[in-house]
Amino acid sequence: MADCPVCERGALVSFQTVQSQHYLRCPECQATVMAEACRLSADQERAIYDFHENEADPGYRRFLSKLAEPLLARLTPGQQGLDFGCGPGPVLAEMLTEAGMAVSLYDPFFHPSTDALARQYDFVACTEVVEHLHQPARVFRQLDGLLKPGGWLGVMTCFQTDDSRFANWHYRRDPTHVVFYREHTLAVIAGQLGWSLSVPRKDVALFQKPVTARPA
């Protein structure tokens, strides 16, 4: 079996097959990963994302506030941030800007300019992004490079908890979701990168990059 794309230290083992979708499990970080052969192409993914409705209605803002509120509680107005994977309608960036932050945008499909990836930030926000990553370990290292020392990374994704409900889980049924994280998975990522981790709300993880670099 292939190595885990999340922690890169566990050999994936077979977990479940649901209809034609096969899923693997990492015994080290406990991530659940869709088999590569079952994944959509980039064009197929884009076609699905084009139908997403990320409008700035009150309900969607309440949903995003699950991440925005605890993240803002750790920030100071005027700080610089990045909405990484912002999608076609960057509502979270609007909310953070309204709270006094300066927010840049990056999305490989909808805001693909790499200018935003050529600097460091006080914070990076990823809402409903990490479950789409085909190479999560590489992207988390990229996010580490985008953060200033002491910077914050806010991640919102549905944590995978109950294996008995996995087959019928709404999050699994989205064909663009290829990686599912447990809280333990996120703790492993934090440990590998030297970050601290807190979980202030259900399905929300806040990582902080240390002020000083780890010894080589």
N, C-alpha and C. Protein backbone atom coordinates (compact mmCIF):
# COMPACT_ATOMS: atom_id res chain seq x y z
N MET A 1 0.83 -1.20 0.00
CA MET A 1 0.00 0.00 0.00
C MET A 1 0.88 1.26 0.00
N ALA A 2 0.30 2.36 -0.45
CA ALA A 2 1.02 3.63 -0.52
C ALA A 2 1.18 4.23 0.87
N ASP A 3 2.15 5.15 0.96
CA ASP A 3 2.33 5.88 2.21
C ASP A 3 1.20 6.89 2.38
N CYS A 4 0.91 7.23 3.62
CA CYS A 4 -0.15 8.19 3.93
C CYS A 4 0.21 9.56 3.37
N PRO A 5 -0.68 10.21 2.62
CA PRO A 5 -0.38 11.54 2.11
C PRO A 5 -0.53 12.64 3.14
N VAL A 6 -1.02 12.28 4.33
CA VAL A 6 -1.21 13.28 5.38
C VAL A 6 0.02 13.36 6.28
N CYS A 7 0.44 12.22 6.84
CA CYS A 7 1.59 12.24 7.76
C CYS A 7 2.87 11.72 7.11
N GLU A 8 2.74 11.03 5.99
CA GLU A 8 3.87 10.49 5.23
C GLU A 8 4.72 9.50 6.03
N ARG A 9 4.13 8.88 7.04
CA ARG A 9 4.91 7.91 7.80
C ARG A 9 4.17 6.59 8.03
N GLY A 10 2.90 6.55 7.69
CA GLY A 10 2.14 5.31 7.83
C GLY A 10 1.83 4.71 6.47
N ALA A 11 1.81 3.38 6.38
CA ALA A 11 1.41 2.70 5.17
C ALA A 11 -0.10 2.50 5.20
N LEU A 12 -0.80 3.03 4.22
CA LEU A 12 -2.25 2.96 4.20
C LEU A 12 -2.73 1.51 4.12
N VAL A 13 -3.82 1.23 4.85
CA VAL A 13 -4.44 -0.09 4.81
C VAL A 13 -5.89 0.08 4.37
N SER A 14 -6.46 -0.99 3.85
CA SER A 14 -7.84 -0.93 3.38
C SER A 14 -8.79 -0.64 4.55
N PHE A 15 -9.76 0.25 4.30
CA PHE A 15 -10.71 0.63 5.36
C PHE A 15 -12.13 0.23 5.00
N GLN A 16 -12.71 0.86 3.98
CA GLN A 16 -14.07 0.55 3.57
C GLN A 16 -14.23 0.78 2.07
N THR A 17 -15.12 0.01 1.47
CA THR A 17 -15.55 0.29 0.11
C THR A 17 -17.04 0.58 0.15
N VAL A 18 -17.41 1.74 -0.37
CA VAL A 18 -18.81 2.16 -0.41
C VAL A 18 -19.19 2.31 -1.87
N GLN A 19 -20.06 1.39 -2.33
CA GLN A 19 -20.37 1.33 -3.77
C GLN A 19 -19.05 1.20 -4.54
N SER A 20 -18.73 2.15 -5.38
CA SER A 20 -17.49 2.03 -6.17
C SER A 20 -16.32 2.79 -5.55
N GLN A 21 -16.55 3.44 -4.39
CA GLN A 21 -15.51 4.25 -3.76
C GLN A 21 -14.76 3.42 -2.72
N HIS A 22 -13.43 3.38 -2.86
CA HIS A 22 -12.60 2.64 -1.92
C HIS A 22 -11.84 3.63 -1.05
N TYR A 23 -11.81 3.36 0.26
CA TYR A 23 -11.16 4.25 1.21
C TYR A 23 -10.10 3.48 2.01
N LEU A 24 -9.04 4.18 2.34
CA LEU A 24 -7.91 3.63 3.06
C LEU A 24 -7.76 4.36 4.39
N ARG A 25 -7.06 3.72 5.31
CA ARG A 25 -6.86 4.31 6.65
C ARG A 25 -5.38 4.27 6.98
N CYS A 26 -4.90 5.36 7.57
CA CYS A 26 -3.52 5.40 8.05
C CYS A 26 -3.48 4.95 9.50
N PRO A 27 -2.73 3.92 9.83
CA PRO A 27 -2.66 3.46 11.22
C PRO A 27 -1.89 4.41 12.11
N GLU A 28 -1.13 5.32 11.54
CA GLU A 28 -0.33 6.25 12.34
C GLU A 28 -1.12 7.50 12.74
N CYS A 29 -1.69 8.19 11.74
CA CYS A 29 -2.38 9.45 12.04
C CYS A 29 -3.90 9.31 12.03
N GLN A 30 -4.40 8.15 11.62
CA GLN A 30 -5.83 7.83 11.60
C GLN A 30 -6.61 8.61 10.54
N ALA A 31 -5.93 9.19 9.58
CA ALA A 31 -6.64 9.81 8.47
C ALA A 31 -7.31 8.73 7.62
N THR A 32 -8.43 9.10 7.02
CA THR A 32 -9.12 8.25 6.06
C THR A 32 -8.96 8.90 4.68
N VAL A 33 -8.52 8.12 3.70
CA VAL A 33 -8.12 8.67 2.41
C VAL A 33 -8.82 7.92 1.29
N MET A 34 -9.43 8.65 0.36
CA MET A 34 -10.01 8.02 -0.81
C MET A 34 -8.89 7.49 -1.72
N ALA A 35 -9.04 6.29 -2.22
CA ALA A 35 -8.05 5.72 -3.13
C ALA A 35 -7.89 6.61 -4.35
N GLU A 36 -6.67 6.75 -4.82
CA GLU A 36 -6.40 7.66 -5.93
C GLU A 36 -7.22 7.30 -7.17
N ALA A 37 -7.41 6.04 -7.42
CA ALA A 37 -8.14 5.61 -8.62
C ALA A 37 -9.60 6.05 -8.60
N CYS A 38 -10.10 6.41 -7.44
CA CYS A 38 -11.51 6.79 -7.31
C CYS A 38 -11.73 8.30 -7.37
N ARG A 39 -10.67 9.06 -7.47
CA ARG A 39 -10.79 10.51 -7.39
C ARG A 39 -11.18 11.13 -8.73
N LEU A 40 -11.81 12.28 -8.66
CA LEU A 40 -12.21 13.01 -9.85
C LEU A 40 -11.00 13.70 -10.48
N SER A 41 -11.13 14.01 -11.75
CA SER A 41 -10.12 14.85 -12.41
C SER A 41 -10.30 16.29 -11.98
N ALA A 42 -9.32 17.13 -12.27
CA ALA A 42 -9.41 18.54 -11.93
C ALA A 42 -10.61 19.20 -12.62
N ASP A 43 -10.86 18.84 -13.86
CA ASP A 43 -12.00 19.42 -14.58
C ASP A 43 -13.32 18.98 -13.95
N GLN A 44 -13.40 17.74 -13.53
CA GLN A 44 -14.62 17.26 -12.87
C GLN A 44 -14.83 17.96 -11.53
N GLU A 45 -13.75 18.16 -10.79
CA GLU A 45 -13.87 18.90 -9.53
C GLU A 45 -14.36 20.31 -9.78
N ARG A 46 -13.75 20.99 -10.74
CA ARG A 46 -14.13 22.38 -11.03
C ARG A 46 -15.60 22.47 -11.40
N ALA A 47 -16.12 21.53 -12.15
CA ALA A 47 -17.53 21.54 -12.53
C ALA A 47 -18.44 21.48 -11.30
N ILE A 48 -18.02 20.73 -10.30
CA ILE A 48 -18.81 20.64 -9.06
C ILE A 48 -18.69 21.94 -8.26
N TYR A 49 -17.48 22.48 -8.16
CA TYR A 49 -17.29 23.72 -7.41
C TYR A 49 -18.09 24.87 -8.02
N ASP A 50 -18.28 24.86 -9.33
CA ASP A 50 -19.03 25.93 -9.99
C ASP A 50 -20.48 25.97 -9.53
N PHE A 51 -20.97 24.86 -8.97
CA PHE A 51 -22.35 24.80 -8.51
C PHE A 51 -22.48 25.14 -7.02
N HIS A 52 -21.35 25.31 -6.33
CA HIS A 52 -21.41 25.66 -4.91
C HIS A 52 -22.01 27.04 -4.75
N GLU A 53 -22.86 27.19 -3.76
CA GLU A 53 -23.50 28.47 -3.49
C GLU A 53 -22.93 29.04 -2.19
N ASN A 54 -21.91 29.86 -2.32
CA ASN A 54 -21.27 30.47 -1.16
C ASN A 54 -21.68 31.94 -1.07
N GLU A 55 -22.96 32.16 -0.94
CA GLU A 55 -23.46 33.52 -0.90
C GLU A 55 -23.43 34.06 0.52
N ALA A 56 -23.39 35.39 0.61
CA ALA A 56 -23.23 36.04 1.91
C ALA A 56 -24.56 36.18 2.64
N ASP A 57 -25.36 35.12 2.72
CA ASP A 57 -26.61 35.17 3.46
C ASP A 57 -26.33 34.94 4.94
N PRO A 58 -27.26 35.30 5.80
CA PRO A 58 -27.01 35.17 7.25
C PRO A 58 -26.68 33.75 7.69
N GLY A 59 -27.30 32.75 7.08
CA GLY A 59 -27.02 31.37 7.47
C GLY A 59 -25.60 30.96 7.16
N TYR A 60 -25.11 31.36 6.00
CA TYR A 60 -23.73 31.00 5.64
C TYR A 60 -22.74 31.76 6.51
N ARG A 61 -23.05 33.00 6.84
CA ARG A 61 -22.18 33.75 7.73
C ARG A 61 -22.13 33.12 9.11
N ARG A 62 -23.26 32.63 9.59
CA ARG A 62 -23.26 31.94 10.89
C ARG A 62 -22.38 30.70 10.83
N PHE A 63 -22.46 29.98 9.73
CA PHE A 63 -21.63 28.80 9.55
C PHE A 63 -20.15 29.17 9.60
N LEU A 64 -19.74 30.20 8.89
CA LEU A 64 -18.34 30.62 8.87
C LEU A 64 -17.90 31.21 10.19
N SER A 65 -18.84 31.74 10.97
CA SER A 65 -18.46 32.33 12.27
C SER A 65 -17.91 31.28 13.22
N LYS A 66 -18.17 29.99 12.97
CA LYS A 66 -17.58 28.94 13.81
C LYS A 66 -16.06 29.04 13.81
N LEU A 67 -15.49 29.43 12.69
CA LEU A 67 -14.05 29.63 12.60
C LEU A 67 -13.68 31.08 12.86
N ALA A 68 -14.45 32.00 12.27
CA ALA A 68 -14.07 33.42 12.33
C ALA A 68 -14.00 33.93 13.77
N GLU A 69 -14.94 33.56 14.60
CA GLU A 69 -14.98 34.12 15.95
C GLU A 69 -13.78 33.69 16.81
N PRO A 70 -13.48 32.40 16.91
CA PRO A 70 -12.30 32.04 17.72
C PRO A 70 -10.99 32.50 17.11
N LEU A 71 -10.92 32.59 15.79
CA LEU A 71 -9.71 33.09 15.16
C LEU A 71 -9.53 34.57 15.46
N LEU A 72 -10.59 35.36 15.30
CA LEU A 72 -10.50 36.79 15.56
C LEU A 72 -10.16 37.09 17.01
N ALA A 73 -10.58 36.21 17.92
CA ALA A 73 -10.27 36.41 19.34
C ALA A 73 -8.78 36.35 19.61
N ARG A 74 -8.03 35.80 18.69
CA ARG A 74 -6.58 35.65 18.85
C ARG A 74 -5.79 36.65 18.00
N LEU A 75 -6.50 37.51 17.28
CA LEU A 75 -5.85 38.45 16.38
C LEU A 75 -6.03 39.89 16.84
N THR A 76 -5.25 40.76 16.24
CA THR A 76 -5.31 42.20 16.51
C THR A 76 -5.72 42.91 15.23
N PRO A 77 -6.68 43.85 15.28
CA PRO A 77 -7.08 44.56 14.07
C PRO A 77 -5.87 45.14 13.33
N GLY A 78 -5.91 45.03 12.02
CA GLY A 78 -4.82 45.50 11.19
C GLY A 78 -3.85 44.42 10.77
N GLN A 79 -3.99 43.23 11.34
CA GLN A 79 -3.09 42.16 10.95
C GLN A 79 -3.41 41.67 9.54
N GLN A 80 -2.41 41.04 8.91
CA GLN A 80 -2.50 40.61 7.53
C GLN A 80 -2.80 39.11 7.47
N GLY A 81 -3.77 38.74 6.65
CA GLY A 81 -4.14 37.34 6.56
C GLY A 81 -4.39 36.89 5.14
N LEU A 82 -4.54 35.56 4.99
CA LEU A 82 -4.79 34.94 3.70
C LEU A 82 -5.97 33.99 3.84
N ASP A 83 -6.95 34.14 2.95
CA ASP A 83 -8.04 33.16 2.84
C ASP A 83 -7.61 32.16 1.78
N PHE A 84 -7.10 31.02 2.23
CA PHE A 84 -6.50 30.00 1.36
C PHE A 84 -7.57 29.02 0.95
N GLY A 85 -7.84 28.96 -0.37
CA GLY A 85 -8.93 28.12 -0.85
C GLY A 85 -10.27 28.80 -0.68
N CYS A 86 -10.31 30.09 -1.00
CA CYS A 86 -11.47 30.93 -0.68
C CYS A 86 -12.69 30.63 -1.53
N GLY A 87 -12.52 29.93 -2.66
CA GLY A 87 -13.66 29.63 -3.51
C GLY A 87 -14.12 30.83 -4.32
N PRO A 88 -15.24 30.69 -5.02
CA PRO A 88 -15.71 31.77 -5.89
C PRO A 88 -16.27 32.97 -5.13
N GLY A 89 -16.78 32.73 -3.92
CA GLY A 89 -17.37 33.81 -3.13
C GLY A 89 -16.67 33.91 -1.79
N PRO A 90 -15.66 34.76 -1.67
CA PRO A 90 -14.85 34.80 -0.43
C PRO A 90 -15.55 35.51 0.72
N VAL A 91 -16.60 34.89 1.24
CA VAL A 91 -17.40 35.51 2.30
C VAL A 91 -16.59 35.61 3.59
N LEU A 92 -15.80 34.60 3.90
CA LEU A 92 -14.99 34.65 5.12
C LEU A 92 -14.04 35.84 5.07
N ALA A 93 -13.42 36.08 3.92
CA ALA A 93 -12.51 37.22 3.79
C ALA A 93 -13.26 38.53 4.05
N GLU A 94 -14.50 38.61 3.58
CA GLU A 94 -15.30 39.81 3.83
C GLU A 94 -15.54 39.98 5.33
N MET A 95 -15.86 38.90 6.02
CA MET A 95 -16.12 38.96 7.46
C MET A 95 -14.87 39.39 8.23
N LEU A 96 -13.73 38.84 7.85
CA LEU A 96 -12.48 39.20 8.53
C LEU A 96 -12.08 40.64 8.23
N THR A 97 -12.34 41.09 7.00
CA THR A 97 -12.05 42.48 6.65
C THR A 97 -12.94 43.43 7.43
N GLU A 98 -14.21 43.07 7.58
CA GLU A 98 -15.13 43.89 8.37
C GLU A 98 -14.67 44.00 9.82
N ALA A 99 -13.94 42.99 10.30
CA ALA A 99 -13.44 43.00 11.68
C ALA A 99 -12.10 43.74 11.79
N GLY A 100 -11.63 44.33 10.69
CA GLY A 100 -10.43 45.16 10.75
C GLY A 100 -9.17 44.51 10.24
N MET A 101 -9.28 43.33 9.64
CA MET A 101 -8.10 42.65 9.11
C MET A 101 -7.90 42.99 7.64
N ALA A 102 -6.68 42.81 7.18
CA ALA A 102 -6.37 42.94 5.75
C ALA A 102 -6.21 41.52 5.20
N VAL A 103 -7.02 41.14 4.23
CA VAL A 103 -7.08 39.75 3.81
C VAL A 103 -6.82 39.63 2.31
N SER A 104 -5.86 38.78 1.95
CA SER A 104 -5.60 38.42 0.57
C SER A 104 -6.32 37.11 0.25
N LEU A 105 -6.45 36.84 -1.05
CA LEU A 105 -7.20 35.67 -1.50
C LEU A 105 -6.31 34.75 -2.33
N TYR A 106 -6.52 33.44 -2.13
CA TYR A 106 -5.92 32.45 -3.03
C TYR A 106 -6.86 31.26 -3.16
N ASP A 107 -7.05 30.83 -4.39
CA ASP A 107 -7.80 29.61 -4.68
C ASP A 107 -7.28 29.09 -6.02
N PRO A 108 -6.94 27.81 -6.12
CA PRO A 108 -6.35 27.32 -7.36
C PRO A 108 -7.28 27.39 -8.56
N PHE A 109 -8.60 27.45 -8.32
CA PHE A 109 -9.56 27.54 -9.41
C PHE A 109 -10.09 28.95 -9.64
N PHE A 110 -10.36 29.68 -8.57
CA PHE A 110 -11.09 30.94 -8.70
C PHE A 110 -10.25 32.19 -8.45
N HIS A 111 -9.17 32.06 -7.70
CA HIS A 111 -8.23 33.18 -7.47
C HIS A 111 -6.83 32.60 -7.56
N PRO A 112 -6.40 32.20 -8.78
CA PRO A 112 -5.18 31.40 -8.91
C PRO A 112 -3.87 32.18 -8.93
N SER A 113 -3.91 33.49 -8.81
CA SER A 113 -2.66 34.25 -8.83
C SER A 113 -1.77 33.81 -7.67
N THR A 114 -0.53 33.48 -8.00
CA THR A 114 0.39 33.03 -6.95
C THR A 114 1.08 34.18 -6.23
N ASP A 115 0.74 35.41 -6.58
CA ASP A 115 1.31 36.56 -5.87
C ASP A 115 1.03 36.47 -4.38
N ALA A 116 -0.18 35.99 -4.05
CA ALA A 116 -0.57 35.89 -2.64
C ALA A 116 0.24 34.85 -1.89
N LEU A 117 0.91 33.95 -2.62
CA LEU A 117 1.69 32.89 -1.98
C LEU A 117 3.16 33.26 -1.85
N ALA A 118 3.49 34.49 -2.20
CA ALA A 118 4.90 34.92 -2.20
C ALA A 118 5.25 35.77 -0.99
N ARG A 119 4.44 35.71 0.06
CA ARG A 119 4.71 36.50 1.26
C ARG A 119 4.24 35.71 2.48
N GLN A 120 4.48 36.27 3.66
CA GLN A 120 4.04 35.63 4.90
C GLN A 120 2.94 36.46 5.56
N TYR A 121 2.16 35.79 6.40
CA TYR A 121 0.97 36.40 6.99
C TYR A 121 0.92 36.17 8.49
N ASP A 122 0.15 37.03 9.16
CA ASP A 122 -0.12 36.84 10.58
C ASP A 122 -1.10 35.69 10.81
N PHE A 123 -1.95 35.43 9.81
CA PHE A 123 -2.89 34.31 9.93
C PHE A 123 -3.28 33.83 8.54
N VAL A 124 -3.66 32.56 8.49
CA VAL A 124 -4.20 31.93 7.29
C VAL A 124 -5.48 31.20 7.70
N ALA A 125 -6.52 31.35 6.89
CA ALA A 125 -7.79 30.67 7.16
C ALA A 125 -8.09 29.69 6.05
N CYS A 126 -8.51 28.48 6.44
CA CYS A 126 -8.89 27.43 5.48
C CYS A 126 -10.23 26.87 5.91
N THR A 127 -11.30 27.30 5.28
CA THR A 127 -12.62 26.77 5.62
C THR A 127 -13.08 25.82 4.53
N GLU A 128 -13.37 24.59 4.95
CA GLU A 128 -13.85 23.57 4.02
C GLU A 128 -12.88 23.40 2.85
N VAL A 129 -11.60 23.28 3.18
CA VAL A 129 -10.54 23.18 2.17
C VAL A 129 -9.75 21.88 2.31
N VAL A 130 -9.31 21.56 3.53
CA VAL A 130 -8.32 20.50 3.69
C VAL A 130 -8.85 19.12 3.30
N GLU A 131 -10.17 18.95 3.30
CA GLU A 131 -10.73 17.66 2.88
C GLU A 131 -10.61 17.43 1.37
N HIS A 132 -10.29 18.50 0.62
CA HIS A 132 -10.14 18.40 -0.83
C HIS A 132 -8.70 18.12 -1.27
N LEU A 133 -7.76 18.15 -0.35
CA LEU A 133 -6.35 18.15 -0.73
C LEU A 133 -5.87 16.76 -1.16
N HIS A 134 -5.30 16.69 -2.34
CA HIS A 134 -4.74 15.42 -2.83
C HIS A 134 -3.35 15.18 -2.25
N GLN A 135 -2.65 16.24 -1.86
CA GLN A 135 -1.32 16.13 -1.25
C GLN A 135 -1.29 16.97 0.04
N PRO A 136 -2.02 16.53 1.06
CA PRO A 136 -2.15 17.36 2.25
C PRO A 136 -0.85 17.67 2.96
N ALA A 137 0.07 16.71 3.05
CA ALA A 137 1.31 16.98 3.77
C ALA A 137 2.07 18.12 3.10
N ARG A 138 2.13 18.09 1.77
CA ARG A 138 2.82 19.16 1.05
C ARG A 138 2.14 20.51 1.27
N VAL A 139 0.81 20.52 1.28
CA VAL A 139 0.09 21.78 1.45
C VAL A 139 0.25 22.31 2.88
N PHE A 140 0.22 21.42 3.87
CA PHE A 140 0.42 21.90 5.24
C PHE A 140 1.82 22.48 5.42
N ARG A 141 2.82 21.91 4.77
CA ARG A 141 4.15 22.51 4.81
C ARG A 141 4.15 23.87 4.12
N GLN A 142 3.40 23.97 3.03
CA GLN A 142 3.27 25.26 2.35
C GLN A 142 2.62 26.29 3.27
N LEU A 143 1.59 25.89 3.99
CA LEU A 143 0.92 26.79 4.91
C LEU A 143 1.86 27.24 6.02
N ASP A 144 2.69 26.32 6.49
CA ASP A 144 3.68 26.68 7.50
C ASP A 144 4.60 27.79 6.97
N GLY A 145 5.00 27.67 5.70
CA GLY A 145 5.85 28.69 5.11
C GLY A 145 5.15 30.02 4.91
N LEU A 146 3.82 30.00 4.81
CA LEU A 146 3.06 31.23 4.63
C LEU A 146 2.83 31.98 5.93
N LEU A 147 3.07 31.33 7.05
CA LEU A 147 2.83 31.94 8.35
C LEU A 147 4.09 32.60 8.90
N LYS A 148 3.92 33.79 9.43
CA LYS A 148 4.99 34.42 10.19
C LYS A 148 5.19 33.65 11.50
N PRO A 149 6.35 33.77 12.12
CA PRO A 149 6.50 33.19 13.47
C PRO A 149 5.42 33.73 14.40
N GLY A 150 4.79 32.84 15.12
CA GLY A 150 3.69 33.22 16.01
C GLY A 150 2.36 33.33 15.31
N GLY A 151 2.32 33.07 13.99
CA GLY A 151 1.08 33.21 13.23
C GLY A 151 0.10 32.07 13.48
N TRP A 152 -1.15 32.31 13.08
CA TRP A 152 -2.24 31.38 13.33
C TRP A 152 -2.76 30.78 12.03
N LEU A 153 -3.06 29.50 12.05
CA LEU A 153 -3.76 28.82 10.96
C LEU A 153 -5.09 28.33 11.49
N GLY A 154 -6.17 28.78 10.89
CA GLY A 154 -7.50 28.32 11.26
C GLY A 154 -8.05 27.37 10.22
N VAL A 155 -8.45 26.18 10.65
CA VAL A 155 -8.97 25.15 9.74
C VAL A 155 -10.36 24.75 10.20
N MET A 156 -11.29 24.70 9.25
CA MET A 156 -12.61 24.16 9.55
C MET A 156 -12.90 23.02 8.57
N THR A 157 -13.16 21.85 9.10
CA THR A 157 -13.51 20.66 8.33
C THR A 157 -14.27 19.73 9.26
N CYS A 158 -15.17 18.93 8.75
CA CYS A 158 -15.89 17.99 9.61
C CYS A 158 -14.95 16.88 10.07
N PHE A 159 -14.76 16.78 11.37
CA PHE A 159 -13.90 15.72 11.89
C PHE A 159 -14.60 14.37 11.71
N GLN A 160 -13.83 13.38 11.33
CA GLN A 160 -14.37 12.03 11.18
C GLN A 160 -14.26 11.31 12.52
N THR A 161 -15.38 10.82 13.03
CA THR A 161 -15.38 10.25 14.38
C THR A 161 -15.92 8.83 14.44
N ASP A 162 -16.98 8.53 13.72
CA ASP A 162 -17.71 7.27 13.90
C ASP A 162 -17.58 6.42 12.64
N ASP A 163 -16.76 5.38 12.70
CA ASP A 163 -16.56 4.53 11.52
C ASP A 163 -17.85 3.83 11.09
N SER A 164 -18.73 3.54 12.03
CA SER A 164 -19.96 2.82 11.68
C SER A 164 -20.90 3.67 10.84
N ARG A 165 -20.72 4.98 10.89
CA ARG A 165 -21.59 5.89 10.12
C ARG A 165 -20.89 6.44 8.88
N PHE A 166 -19.69 5.99 8.62
CA PHE A 166 -18.91 6.58 7.54
C PHE A 166 -19.59 6.44 6.19
N ALA A 167 -20.14 5.27 5.89
CA ALA A 167 -20.72 5.02 4.57
C ALA A 167 -21.84 6.00 4.24
N ASN A 168 -22.64 6.36 5.23
CA ASN A 168 -23.78 7.24 5.00
C ASN A 168 -23.53 8.69 5.40
N TRP A 169 -22.31 8.99 5.81
CA TRP A 169 -21.97 10.34 6.28
C TRP A 169 -22.08 11.33 5.11
N HIS A 170 -22.75 12.45 5.35
CA HIS A 170 -22.94 13.43 4.28
C HIS A 170 -21.61 13.94 3.73
N TYR A 171 -20.62 14.03 4.60
CA TYR A 171 -19.33 14.57 4.18
C TYR A 171 -18.63 13.62 3.21
N ARG A 172 -18.79 12.33 3.45
CA ARG A 172 -18.19 11.35 2.55
C ARG A 172 -18.85 11.38 1.19
N ARG A 173 -20.13 11.71 1.12
CA ARG A 173 -20.87 11.62 -0.13
C ARG A 173 -20.49 12.71 -1.13
N ASP A 174 -19.78 13.73 -0.69
CA ASP A 174 -19.27 14.73 -1.64
C ASP A 174 -18.07 14.12 -2.36
N PRO A 175 -18.14 13.91 -3.66
CA PRO A 175 -17.05 13.21 -4.36
C PRO A 175 -15.76 14.01 -4.44
N THR A 176 -15.78 15.30 -4.10
CA THR A 176 -14.55 16.09 -4.09
C THR A 176 -13.82 15.99 -2.75
N HIS A 177 -14.43 15.33 -1.77
CA HIS A 177 -13.79 15.15 -0.46
C HIS A 177 -12.96 13.87 -0.49
N VAL A 178 -11.66 14.02 -0.38
CA VAL A 178 -10.77 12.86 -0.55
C VAL A 178 -9.96 12.52 0.70
N VAL A 179 -9.99 13.39 1.71
CA VAL A 179 -9.27 13.13 2.96
C VAL A 179 -10.17 13.53 4.13
N PHE A 180 -10.22 12.67 5.14
CA PHE A 180 -11.04 12.93 6.31
C PHE A 180 -10.15 12.83 7.55
N TYR A 181 -10.26 13.82 8.41
CA TYR A 181 -9.34 13.99 9.53
C TYR A 181 -10.06 13.74 10.86
N ARG A 182 -9.39 13.04 11.73
CA ARG A 182 -9.80 12.98 13.13
C ARG A 182 -9.03 14.06 13.88
N GLU A 183 -9.47 14.35 15.11
CA GLU A 183 -8.70 15.30 15.91
C GLU A 183 -7.28 14.80 16.11
N HIS A 184 -7.12 13.48 16.25
CA HIS A 184 -5.78 12.92 16.39
C HIS A 184 -4.94 13.20 15.15
N THR A 185 -5.56 13.13 13.97
CA THR A 185 -4.83 13.42 12.72
C THR A 185 -4.24 14.82 12.76
N LEU A 186 -5.05 15.77 13.19
CA LEU A 186 -4.60 17.16 13.25
C LEU A 186 -3.51 17.34 14.30
N ALA A 187 -3.61 16.59 15.39
CA ALA A 187 -2.56 16.66 16.41
C ALA A 187 -1.23 16.13 15.87
N VAL A 188 -1.30 15.09 15.03
CA VAL A 188 -0.08 14.56 14.42
C VAL A 188 0.53 15.60 13.49
N ILE A 189 -0.30 16.25 12.67
CA ILE A 189 0.20 17.31 11.78
C ILE A 189 0.86 18.41 12.59
N ALA A 190 0.21 18.84 13.66
CA ALA A 190 0.76 19.89 14.51
C ALA A 190 2.11 19.47 15.07
N GLY A 191 2.21 18.23 15.54
CA GLY A 191 3.46 17.75 16.11
C GLY A 191 4.58 17.71 15.09
N GLN A 192 4.27 17.32 13.87
CA GLN A 192 5.30 17.25 12.84
C GLN A 192 5.84 18.62 12.48
N LEU A 193 4.98 19.64 12.51
CA LEU A 193 5.38 20.98 12.10
C LEU A 193 5.78 21.87 13.27
N GLY A 194 5.67 21.34 14.49
CA GLY A 194 6.04 22.12 15.66
C GLY A 194 5.02 23.15 16.06
N TRP A 195 3.78 22.99 15.59
CA TRP A 195 2.70 23.91 15.93
C TRP A 195 2.03 23.50 17.24
N SER A 196 1.37 24.45 17.88
CA SER A 196 0.43 24.12 18.95
C SER A 196 -0.95 23.97 18.33
N LEU A 197 -1.82 23.22 18.98
CA LEU A 197 -3.16 22.95 18.46
C LEU A 197 -4.19 23.16 19.55
N SER A 198 -5.27 23.85 19.20
CA SER A 198 -6.44 23.93 20.07
C SER A 198 -7.68 23.68 19.22
N VAL A 199 -8.71 23.13 19.85
CA VAL A 199 -9.98 22.86 19.17
C VAL A 199 -11.07 23.61 19.92
N PRO A 200 -11.30 24.89 19.56
CA PRO A 200 -12.21 25.71 20.34
C PRO A 200 -13.68 25.37 20.12
N ARG A 201 -14.00 24.77 18.99
CA ARG A 201 -15.37 24.40 18.66
C ARG A 201 -15.35 23.12 17.84
N LYS A 202 -16.50 22.49 17.77
CA LYS A 202 -16.62 21.28 16.95
C LYS A 202 -16.19 21.59 15.52
N ASP A 203 -15.33 20.74 14.98
CA ASP A 203 -14.89 20.82 13.59
C ASP A 203 -14.03 22.04 13.28
N VAL A 204 -13.47 22.65 14.29
CA VAL A 204 -12.59 23.81 14.11
C VAL A 204 -11.26 23.54 14.82
N ALA A 205 -10.18 23.74 14.11
CA ALA A 205 -8.83 23.58 14.67
C ALA A 205 -8.07 24.88 14.48
N LEU A 206 -7.42 25.33 15.53
CA LEU A 206 -6.55 26.50 15.47
C LEU A 206 -5.13 26.06 15.78
N PHE A 207 -4.25 26.29 14.84
CA PHE A 207 -2.83 25.97 14.99
C PHE A 207 -2.06 27.29 15.16
N GLN A 208 -1.05 27.26 16.00
CA GLN A 208 -0.16 28.43 16.09
C GLN A 208 1.27 28.00 15.82
N LYS A 209 1.90 28.72 14.91
CA LYS A 209 3.31 28.50 14.60
C LYS A 209 4.14 29.08 15.73
N PRO A 210 5.18 28.40 16.18
CA PRO A 210 5.99 28.94 17.29
C PRO A 210 6.70 30.23 16.89
N VAL A 211 6.97 31.04 17.88
CA VAL A 211 7.66 32.31 17.63
C VAL A 211 9.10 32.07 17.22
N THR A 212 9.70 31.07 17.81
CA THR A 212 11.09 30.73 17.47
C THR A 212 11.11 29.40 16.74
N ALA A 213 12.01 29.26 15.81
CA ALA A 213 12.12 28.04 15.01
C ALA A 213 12.56 26.87 15.87
N ARG A 214 12.12 25.67 15.50
CA ARG A 214 12.57 24.47 16.19
C ARG A 214 14.03 24.21 15.88
N PRO A 215 14.76 23.63 16.82
CA PRO A 215 16.16 23.27 16.53
C PRO A 215 16.21 22.29 15.36
N ALA A 216 17.24 22.42 14.53
CA ALA A 216 17.38 21.53 13.36
C ALA A 216 17.68 20.11 13.84
